[in-house]
Amino acid sequence: MTDIYRILDRKKLQIVFDAAEERCSLKHKQILDKLKLMARSRCS
């Protein structure tokens, strides 16, 4: 029984981590886009 629970927990954790990573990369992308816009407006 414990092995099954361990596997389930691992899968749950993996899903949570994947979701967190996606959220982080989205935020990162937005920040990069903002920086690019700032750089463009400064250059022109």
PDB file of N, CA and C in Angstrom:
ATOM      1  N   MET A   1       0.809  -1.209   0.000  1.00  0.00           N
ATOM      2  CA  MET A   1       0.000   0.000   0.000  1.00  0.00           C
ATOM      3  C   MET A   1       0.852   1.272   0.000  1.00  0.00           C
ATOM      4  N   THR A   2       1.866   1.273   0.834  1.00  0.00           N
ATOM      5  CA  THR A   2       2.674   2.490   0.958  1.00  0.00           C
ATOM      6  C   THR A   2       3.353   2.838  -0.358  1.00  0.00           C
ATOM      7  N   ASP A   3       3.761   1.808  -1.120  1.00  0.00           N
ATOM      8  CA  ASP A   3       4.423   2.068  -2.402  1.00  0.00           C
ATOM      9  C   ASP A   3       3.483   2.809  -3.349  1.00  0.00           C
ATOM     10  N   ILE A   4       2.227   2.360  -3.381  1.00  0.00           N
ATOM     11  CA  ILE A   4       1.240   3.013  -4.249  1.00  0.00           C
ATOM     12  C   ILE A   4       1.088   4.477  -3.850  1.00  0.00           C
ATOM     13  N   TYR A   5       0.982   4.709  -2.535  1.00  0.00           N
ATOM     14  CA  TYR A   5       0.840   6.088  -2.065  1.00  0.00           C
ATOM     15  C   TYR A   5       2.054   6.922  -2.437  1.00  0.00           C
ATOM     16  N   ARG A   6       3.229   6.300  -2.331  1.00  0.00           N
ATOM     17  CA  ARG A   6       4.458   7.021  -2.668  1.00  0.00           C
ATOM     18  C   ARG A   6       4.454   7.426  -4.134  1.00  0.00           C
ATOM     19  N   ILE A   7       4.065   6.496  -4.988  1.00  0.00           N
ATOM     20  CA  ILE A   7       4.026   6.784  -6.429  1.00  0.00           C
ATOM     21  C   ILE A   7       3.024   7.907  -6.708  1.00  0.00           C
ATOM     22  N   LEU A   8       1.841   7.814  -6.067  1.00  0.00           N
ATOM     23  CA  LEU A   8       0.823   8.851  -6.257  1.00  0.00           C
ATOM     24  C   LEU A   8       1.342  10.200  -5.797  1.00  0.00           C
ATOM     25  N   ASP A   9       1.985  10.210  -4.630  1.00  0.00           N
ATOM     26  CA  ASP A   9       2.537  11.460  -4.107  1.00  0.00           C
ATOM     27  C   ASP A   9       3.559  12.038  -5.065  1.00  0.00           C
ATOM     28  N   ARG A  10       4.401  11.161  -5.604  1.00  0.00           N
ATOM     29  CA  ARG A  10       5.436  11.628  -6.527  1.00  0.00           C
ATOM     30  C   ARG A  10       4.796  12.254  -7.759  1.00  0.00           C
ATOM     31  N   LYS A  11       3.751  11.591  -8.277  1.00  0.00           N
ATOM     32  CA  LYS A  11       3.074  12.122  -9.463  1.00  0.00           C
ATOM     33  C   LYS A  11       2.429  13.463  -9.157  1.00  0.00           C
ATOM     34  N   LYS A  12       1.781  13.548  -7.980  1.00  0.00           N
ATOM     35  CA  LYS A  12       1.153  14.809  -7.575  1.00  0.00           C
ATOM     36  C   LYS A  12       2.192  15.907  -7.488  1.00  0.00           C
ATOM     37  N   LEU A  13       3.315  15.581  -6.849  1.00  0.00           N
ATOM     38  CA  LEU A  13       4.391  16.564  -6.706  1.00  0.00           C
ATOM     39  C   LEU A  13       4.879  17.008  -8.074  1.00  0.00           C
ATOM     40  N   GLN A  14       5.032  16.043  -8.985  1.00  0.00           N
ATOM     41  CA  GLN A  14       5.511  16.362 -10.326  1.00  0.00           C
ATOM     42  C   GLN A  14       4.560  17.335 -11.009  1.00  0.00           C
ATOM     43  N   ILE A  15       3.268  17.065 -10.869  1.00  0.00           N
ATOM     44  CA  ILE A  15       2.261  17.940 -11.485  1.00  0.00           C
ATOM     45  C   ILE A  15       2.354  19.345 -10.897  1.00  0.00           C
ATOM     46  N   VAL A  16       2.480  19.403  -9.569  1.00  0.00           N
ATOM     47  CA  VAL A  16       2.579  20.704  -8.900  1.00  0.00           C
ATOM     48  C   VAL A  16       3.819  21.453  -9.366  1.00  0.00           C
ATOM     49  N   PHE A  17       4.942  20.725  -9.443  1.00  0.00           N
ATOM     50  CA  PHE A  17       6.187  21.362  -9.874  1.00  0.00           C
ATOM     51  C   PHE A  17       6.074  21.859 -11.310  1.00  0.00           C
ATOM     52  N   ASP A  18       5.478  21.038 -12.179  1.00  0.00           N
ATOM     53  CA  ASP A  18       5.311  21.439 -13.575  1.00  0.00           C
ATOM     54  C   ASP A  18       4.484  22.714 -13.676  1.00  0.00           C
ATOM     55  N   ALA A  19       3.397  22.767 -12.908  1.00  0.00           N
ATOM     56  CA  ALA A  19       2.527  23.944 -12.925  1.00  0.00           C
ATOM     57  C   ALA A  19       3.288  25.171 -12.438  1.00  0.00           C
ATOM     58  N   ALA A  20       4.065  24.992 -11.376  1.00  0.00           N
ATOM     59  CA  ALA A  20       4.837  26.105 -10.816  1.00  0.00           C
ATOM     60  C   ALA A  20       5.865  26.589 -11.829  1.00  0.00           C
ATOM     61  N   GLU A  21       6.518  25.634 -12.508  1.00  0.00           N
ATOM     62  CA  GLU A  21       7.529  26.006 -13.503  1.00  0.00           C
ATOM     63  C   GLU A  21       6.895  26.788 -14.638  1.00  0.00           C
ATOM     64  N   GLU A  22       5.721  26.327 -15.087  1.00  0.00           N
ATOM     65  CA  GLU A  22       5.028  27.027 -16.169  1.00  0.00           C
ATOM     66  C   GLU A  22       4.702  28.451 -15.757  1.00  0.00           C
ATOM     67  N   ARG A  23       4.211  28.594 -14.518  1.00  0.00           N
ATOM     68  CA  ARG A  23       3.856  29.920 -14.023  1.00  0.00           C
ATOM     69  C   ARG A  23       5.090  30.805 -13.969  1.00  0.00           C
ATOM     70  N   CYS A  24       6.196  30.236 -13.495  1.00  0.00           N
ATOM     71  CA  CYS A  24       7.442  31.005 -13.382  1.00  0.00           C
ATOM     72  C   CYS A  24       7.932  31.428 -14.755  1.00  0.00           C
ATOM     73  N   SER A  25       7.901  30.515 -15.716  1.00  0.00           N
ATOM     74  CA  SER A  25       8.404  30.844 -17.044  1.00  0.00           C
ATOM     75  C   SER A  25       7.515  31.900 -17.701  1.00  0.00           C
ATOM     76  N   LEU A  26       6.216  31.844 -17.417  1.00  0.00           N
ATOM     77  CA  LEU A  26       5.314  32.872 -17.948  1.00  0.00           C
ATOM     78  C   LEU A  26       5.679  34.237 -17.392  1.00  0.00           C
ATOM     79  N   LYS A  27       5.891  34.291 -16.075  1.00  0.00           N
ATOM     80  CA  LYS A  27       6.279  35.546 -15.433  1.00  0.00           C
ATOM     81  C   LYS A  27       7.586  36.034 -16.026  1.00  0.00           C
ATOM     82  N   HIS A  28       8.535  35.118 -16.177  1.00  0.00           N
ATOM     83  CA  HIS A  28       9.854  35.442 -16.708  1.00  0.00           C
ATOM     84  C   HIS A  28       9.716  36.036 -18.108  1.00  0.00           C
ATOM     85  N   LYS A  29       8.856  35.415 -18.912  1.00  0.00           N
ATOM     86  CA  LYS A  29       8.642  35.880 -20.278  1.00  0.00           C
ATOM     87  C   LYS A  29       8.087  37.299 -20.274  1.00  0.00           C
ATOM     88  N   GLN A  30       7.121  37.557 -19.387  1.00  0.00           N
ATOM     89  CA  GLN A  30       6.528  38.897 -19.304  1.00  0.00           C
ATOM     90  C   GLN A  30       7.572  39.927 -18.923  1.00  0.00           C
ATOM     91  N   ILE A  31       8.432  39.562 -17.962  1.00  0.00           N
ATOM     92  CA  ILE A  31       9.491  40.484 -17.527  1.00  0.00           C
ATOM     93  C   ILE A  31      10.439  40.770 -18.687  1.00  0.00           C
ATOM     94  N   LEU A  32      10.822  39.714 -19.412  1.00  0.00           N
ATOM     95  CA  LEU A  32      11.730  39.890 -20.546  1.00  0.00           C
ATOM     96  C   LEU A  32      11.099  40.785 -21.606  1.00  0.00           C
ATOM     97  N   ASP A  33       9.805  40.572 -21.875  1.00  0.00           N
ATOM     98  CA  ASP A  33       9.108  41.405 -22.860  1.00  0.00           C
ATOM     99  C   ASP A  33       9.115  42.871 -22.435  1.00  0.00           C
ATOM    100  N   LYS A  34       8.866  43.106 -21.141  1.00  0.00           N
ATOM    101  CA  LYS A  34       8.879  44.485 -20.634  1.00  0.00           C
ATOM    102  C   LYS A  34      10.249  45.105 -20.827  1.00  0.00           C
ATOM    103  N   LEU A  35      11.294  44.328 -20.495  1.00  0.00           N
ATOM    104  CA  LEU A  35      12.659  44.839 -20.632  1.00  0.00           C
ATOM    105  C   LEU A  35      12.969  45.160 -22.085  1.00  0.00           C
ATOM    106  N   LYS A  36      12.515  44.288 -22.994  1.00  0.00           N
ATOM    107  CA  LYS A  36      12.745  44.522 -24.421  1.00  0.00           C
ATOM    108  C   LYS A  36      12.068  45.807 -24.860  1.00  0.00           C
ATOM    109  N   LEU A  37      10.831  46.001 -24.413  1.00  0.00           N
ATOM    110  CA  LEU A  37      10.093  47.220 -24.761  1.00  0.00           C
ATOM    111  C   LEU A  37      10.816  48.456 -24.244  1.00  0.00           C
ATOM    112  N   MET A  38      11.292  48.385 -22.989  1.00  0.00           N
ATOM    113  CA  MET A  38      12.019  49.510 -22.406  1.00  0.00           C
ATOM    114  C   MET A  38      13.281  49.801 -23.205  1.00  0.00           C
ATOM    115  N   ALA A  39      13.994  48.757 -23.578  1.00  0.00           N
ATOM    116  CA  ALA A  39      15.234  48.922 -24.333  1.00  0.00           C
ATOM    117  C   ALA A  39      14.939  49.558 -25.689  1.00  0.00           C
ATOM    118  N   ARG A  40      13.858  49.123 -26.324  1.00  0.00           N
ATOM    119  CA  ARG A  40      13.487  49.667 -27.628  1.00  0.00           C
ATOM    120  C   ARG A  40      13.149  51.147 -27.524  1.00  0.00           C
ATOM    121  N   SER A  41      12.349  51.492 -26.529  1.00  0.00           N
ATOM    122  CA  SER A  41      11.931  52.893 -26.391  1.00  0.00           C
ATOM    123  C   SER A  41      13.128  53.778 -26.057  1.00  0.00           C
ATOM    124  N   ARG A  42      14.113  53.208 -25.366  1.00  0.00           N
ATOM    125  CA  ARG A  42      15.301  53.983 -25.019  1.00  0.00           C
ATOM    126  C   ARG A  42      16.181  54.189 -26.256  1.00  0.00           C
ATOM    127  N   CYS A  43      16.232  53.173 -27.110  1.00  0.00           N
ATOM    128  CA  CYS A  43      17.111  53.244 -28.287  1.00  0.00           C
ATOM    129  C   CYS A  43      16.552  54.206 -29.330  1.00  0.00           C
ATOM    130  N   SER A  44      15.235  54.196 -29.532  1.00  0.00           N
ATOM    131  CA  SER A  44      14.660  54.996 -30.612  1.00  0.00           C
ATOM    132  C   SER A  44      14.533  56.468 -30.276  1.00  0.00           C
TER     133      SER A  44
END
